[in-house]
Protein backbone atom coordinates (compact mmCIF):
# COMPACT_ATOMS: atom_id res chain seq x y z
CA MET A 1 24.53 -28.73 12.24
CA ILE A 2 22.93 -25.34 11.58
CA ARG A 3 20.40 -24.38 14.27
CA LEU A 4 17.46 -22.02 13.68
CA PHE A 5 14.96 -20.45 16.03
CA VAL A 6 11.43 -20.55 14.57
CA PRO A 7 8.13 -19.30 16.06
CA ASN A 8 6.21 -22.26 14.67
CA ASP A 9 4.99 -25.17 16.77
CA LEU A 10 7.31 -28.16 16.27
CA ALA A 11 6.05 -31.72 15.93
CA ALA A 12 6.97 -34.81 13.87
CA ASP A 13 5.96 -34.90 10.18
CA THR A 14 5.01 -31.23 9.91
CA GLY A 15 6.08 -28.70 7.28
CA ILE A 16 7.35 -25.15 7.73
CA VAL A 17 8.14 -22.41 5.18
CA LEU A 18 10.87 -20.20 6.60
CA ASP A 19 10.65 -16.40 6.44
CA LYS A 20 12.62 -14.33 3.93
CA ASP A 21 15.66 -13.76 6.10
CA GLN A 22 16.07 -17.34 7.16
CA SER A 23 15.47 -18.63 3.68
CA HIS A 24 18.18 -16.31 2.38
CA TYR A 25 20.58 -17.38 5.11
CA LEU A 26 20.18 -21.11 4.38
CA ALA A 27 20.07 -20.86 0.57
CA ASN A 28 22.42 -18.02 -0.22
CA VAL A 29 24.75 -17.67 2.78
CA MET A 30 25.18 -21.25 3.94
CA ARG A 31 24.31 -22.64 0.38
CA LEU A 32 22.35 -25.60 1.70
CA LYS A 33 20.62 -27.77 -0.86
CA GLU A 34 17.41 -29.81 -0.86
CA GLY A 35 17.82 -32.98 1.26
CA GLU A 36 20.25 -31.38 3.76
CA ASP A 37 19.41 -31.29 7.48
CA VAL A 38 19.10 -28.46 10.05
CA ALA A 39 18.06 -28.23 13.68
CA LEU A 40 15.04 -26.24 14.82
CA PHE A 41 13.89 -24.92 18.22
CA ASN A 42 11.15 -22.52 19.37
CA GLY A 43 11.65 -22.21 23.09
CA ARG A 44 8.70 -24.51 23.88
CA ASP A 45 9.03 -27.86 22.13
CA GLY A 46 12.67 -28.78 22.47
CA GLN A 47 14.99 -29.25 19.47
CA TRP A 48 14.03 -31.05 16.29
CA SER A 49 15.81 -32.36 13.21
CA ALA A 50 14.41 -31.13 9.92
CA ARG A 51 15.22 -31.55 6.27
CA LEU A 52 15.12 -29.03 3.41
CA GLN A 53 12.36 -30.05 1.02
CA LYS A 54 12.35 -27.14 -1.39
CA VAL A 55 14.75 -24.25 -1.96
CA ALA A 56 13.01 -21.51 -4.02
CA LYS A 57 12.86 -17.77 -4.31
CA SER A 58 9.52 -17.84 -2.54
CA GLY A 59 11.17 -19.40 0.57
CA VAL A 60 12.75 -22.54 1.92
CA ALA A 61 10.37 -25.31 2.81
CA ILE A 62 11.38 -27.65 5.64
CA HIS A 63 10.00 -30.95 6.81
CA VAL A 64 10.24 -31.63 10.55
CA HIS A 65 11.23 -35.15 11.55
CA ASP A 66 12.35 -36.15 15.08
CA GLN A 67 12.88 -34.46 18.43
CA THR A 68 16.56 -34.59 19.33
CA ARG A 69 16.41 -32.72 22.68
CA PRO A 70 13.41 -32.31 25.01
CA GLN A 71 12.56 -28.90 26.40
CA ALA A 72 14.21 -28.42 29.81
CA PRO A 73 14.00 -25.74 32.50
CA GLU A 74 16.57 -22.92 32.20
CA PRO A 75 17.87 -20.40 34.75
CA ASP A 76 15.67 -17.58 35.97
CA LEU A 77 18.47 -14.99 35.72
CA TRP A 78 17.88 -11.39 34.72
CA LEU A 79 20.38 -8.79 33.52
CA LEU A 80 19.52 -5.11 34.11
CA ALA A 81 21.94 -2.95 32.19
CA ALA A 82 22.14 0.77 31.53
CA PRO A 83 22.26 1.38 27.74
CA ILE A 84 25.75 2.01 26.38
CA LYS A 85 27.15 2.58 22.87
CA LYS A 86 25.76 0.40 20.05
CA ASP A 87 28.66 -2.07 19.51
CA ARG A 88 29.13 -2.48 23.28
CA ILE A 89 25.44 -3.11 24.21
CA ASP A 90 25.28 -5.57 21.27
CA LEU A 91 28.21 -7.45 22.78
CA VAL A 92 26.49 -7.47 26.16
CA ALA A 93 23.32 -8.93 24.72
CA GLU A 94 25.19 -11.63 22.79
CA LYS A 95 27.35 -12.75 25.70
CA ALA A 96 24.57 -12.47 28.29
CA CYS A 97 22.50 -14.87 26.20
CA GLU A 98 25.42 -17.32 26.02
CA LEU A 99 25.79 -17.03 29.81
CA GLY A 100 22.20 -18.04 30.49
CA ILE A 101 20.10 -14.98 31.23
CA SER A 102 16.32 -15.30 30.88
CA ARG A 103 15.65 -11.54 30.52
CA LEU A 104 17.60 -8.51 29.33
CA TRP A 105 16.20 -5.27 30.75
CA PRO A 106 17.72 -1.93 29.69
CA VAL A 107 17.39 0.61 32.52
CA PHE A 108 18.03 4.36 32.38
CA THR A 109 20.08 5.80 35.22
CA ARG A 110 21.00 9.37 36.05
CA ARG A 111 24.36 9.05 34.23
CA THR A 112 23.11 7.04 31.25
CA VAL A 113 24.35 8.78 28.09
CA MET A 114 22.29 6.86 25.53
CA SER A 115 18.65 7.97 25.32
CA ARG A 116 17.35 5.32 22.97
CA VAL A 117 17.59 1.53 22.74
CA ASN A 118 17.07 -0.57 19.64
CA THR A 119 15.37 -3.50 21.30
CA GLU A 120 14.69 -5.27 17.99
CA ARG A 121 18.44 -5.34 17.21
CA LEU A 122 19.27 -6.62 20.67
CA ALA A 123 16.61 -9.35 20.45
CA ALA A 124 18.06 -10.37 17.05
CA ASN A 125 21.57 -10.54 18.58
CA MET A 126 20.29 -12.82 21.34
CA GLU A 127 18.41 -15.03 18.87
CA GLU A 128 21.60 -15.54 16.89
CA ALA A 129 23.60 -16.20 20.02
CA ALA A 130 21.06 -18.80 21.19
CA GLU A 131 21.27 -20.53 17.86
CA GLN A 132 25.01 -20.79 18.12
CA CYS A 133 25.40 -21.72 21.80
CA GLU A 134 22.75 -24.48 21.64
CA ARG A 135 20.38 -23.15 24.34
CA LEU A 136 16.72 -23.99 23.78
CA THR A 137 15.17 -20.55 24.58
CA ILE A 138 15.67 -16.93 23.64
CA PRO A 139 15.97 -14.45 26.53
CA GLU A 140 13.04 -12.09 26.94
CA MET A 141 13.69 -8.60 25.73
CA ALA A 142 12.07 -6.24 28.28
CA GLU A 143 11.01 -2.72 27.45
CA PRO A 144 13.55 -0.07 28.55
CA ALA A 145 12.52 1.82 31.69
CA ALA A 146 13.87 4.17 34.30
CA LEU A 147 15.76 2.46 37.08
CA ASP A 148 13.64 4.00 39.84
CA LYS A 149 10.41 2.81 38.19
CA VAL A 150 11.80 -0.70 37.73
CA LEU A 151 12.82 -0.92 41.41
CA ALA A 152 9.48 0.49 42.58
CA GLY A 153 7.74 -2.56 41.09
CA TRP A 154 10.35 -5.11 42.02
CA GLU A 155 9.35 -8.54 43.41
CA PRO A 156 11.29 -8.81 46.69
CA ASP A 157 11.82 -12.54 46.35
CA ARG A 158 14.31 -11.90 43.51
CA PRO A 159 17.75 -10.79 44.93
CA LEU A 160 19.37 -8.00 42.95
CA LEU A 161 23.16 -7.90 42.82
CA PHE A 162 24.17 -4.41 41.86
CA LEU A 163 27.74 -3.87 40.79
CA ASP A 164 29.03 -1.12 43.06
CA GLU A 165 32.02 0.39 41.34
CA SER A 166 32.83 2.37 44.50
CA GLY A 167 34.31 -0.80 45.92
CA SER A 168 32.17 -0.75 49.07
CA GLY A 169 30.27 -3.92 48.17
CA GLN A 170 31.26 -7.43 49.26
CA PRO A 171 33.01 -9.69 46.77
CA ILE A 172 30.49 -11.12 44.39
CA ALA A 173 31.63 -14.68 45.20
CA THR A 174 30.95 -14.08 48.91
CA ALA A 175 27.44 -12.77 48.17
CA LEU A 176 26.59 -15.70 45.98
CA SER A 177 27.83 -18.28 48.51
CA THR A 178 25.16 -17.18 50.98
CA MET A 179 22.21 -17.26 48.57
CA ASP A 180 19.55 -19.91 48.49
CA PRO A 181 18.53 -21.52 45.15
CA GLY A 182 16.03 -19.40 43.26
CA LYS A 183 15.62 -16.29 41.15
CA LEU A 184 18.38 -13.77 40.69
CA ALA A 185 19.11 -10.51 38.90
CA VAL A 186 22.27 -8.55 38.17
CA LEU A 187 22.33 -4.76 37.74
CA VAL A 188 25.09 -3.02 35.82
CA GLY A 189 25.36 0.79 35.69
CA PRO A 190 26.40 3.11 32.85
CA GLU A 191 29.92 4.21 31.81
CA GLY A 192 30.02 6.80 34.62
CA GLY A 193 28.61 4.43 37.27
CA PHE A 194 25.77 5.02 39.66
CA ASP A 195 25.49 8.42 41.29
CA ASP A 196 25.39 8.86 45.07
CA THR A 197 21.55 9.23 45.12
CA GLU A 198 21.09 5.99 43.19
CA ARG A 199 23.59 4.14 45.36
CA ALA A 200 21.88 5.37 48.53
CA MET A 201 18.49 4.33 47.06
CA LEU A 202 19.76 0.80 46.33
CA ALA A 203 21.32 0.53 49.73
CA ARG A 204 17.92 1.00 51.38
CA LEU A 205 16.30 -1.83 49.42
CA PRO A 206 16.23 -5.16 51.33
CA PHE A 207 16.52 -7.24 48.16
CA ALA A 208 19.51 -5.26 46.76
CA VAL A 209 23.01 -6.55 47.45
CA PRO A 210 26.06 -4.34 46.61
CA VAL A 211 28.90 -6.45 45.19
CA SER A 212 32.41 -5.82 43.93
CA LEU A 213 34.26 -7.43 40.99
CA GLY A 214 37.65 -6.43 42.31
CA PRO A 215 39.93 -3.43 42.64
CA ARG A 216 39.85 -2.19 39.05
CA ILE A 217 37.21 -0.01 37.43
CA LEU A 218 35.76 -2.00 34.57
CA ARG A 219 33.94 -0.88 31.48
CA ALA A 220 30.19 -1.43 31.70
CA GLU A 221 30.25 -4.21 29.12
CA THR A 222 33.18 -5.90 30.84
CA ALA A 223 31.48 -5.73 34.24
CA ALA A 224 28.27 -7.29 32.90
CA ILE A 225 30.07 -10.18 31.26
CA ALA A 226 32.37 -10.75 34.26
CA ALA A 227 29.52 -10.74 36.74
CA LEU A 228 27.40 -13.21 34.73
CA SER A 229 30.49 -15.44 34.25
CA VAL A 230 30.96 -15.62 38.01
CA VAL A 231 27.29 -16.34 38.61
CA GLN A 232 27.31 -19.15 36.02
CA ALA A 233 30.59 -20.59 37.38
CA LEU A 234 29.54 -20.58 41.03
CA LEU A 235 25.84 -21.31 40.82
CA GLY A 236 25.30 -22.86 37.42
CA ASP A 237 21.84 -23.87 36.23
CA TRP A 238 21.34 -26.16 39.28
CA LYS A 239 20.99 -23.28 41.76
CA LEU A 240 19.33 -20.69 39.61
CA GLY A 241 15.62 -21.23 39.82
CA PRO A 242 14.08 -22.43 36.52
CA ARG A 243 11.77 -20.07 34.70
CA ALA A 244 8.41 -21.19 33.41
CA SER A 245 8.49 -22.13 29.74
């Protein structure tokens, strides 16, 4: 069944008129007809079944019926990633959403090549990924910021695993095995990696943990996906503290 994220409150026996893009998607791309069913979620009220009532140029009208999944807590897992080329950062946003992050935060480092981030496009990529992977929330899209400013305001009760491409960090599996259940964040550097000043700054922070993904130097997008995959495989949702809905 097709799933759509909507901003509307969801409850039984309510009607919704979808926006232009979603109406076009259902009517012209998926070619759904009146009387066919879709699934809706909004990140607050769980998942609901709904039926197309009217398909018109003015928009698709939908009638909400029954809740099929209740809202449930999801992991409190952040990904901090230095902006990289468009197609690669799009891939990171999509796969990070599938792997359960609750926040994507672009951070500018000393070696970051990209100077601008299209947060609207990244948010749209995550929304589409959430619709397809059957999660009930959309990750928060944080405003891009300089790494030093982000770290200056960091809450110390959230451990930060930073991927140290120099190889001096402990294996990520070892680091995760010693962590108590709760909040977590992963930091991925740019194509050229962190410079010595940044690495020294991170080493001084009590909440920052340098970790390694193995002997090979990985692309930034590969490192992000690999690290989140390990976190999900070893900790899963049960050990990652739930975020407030």
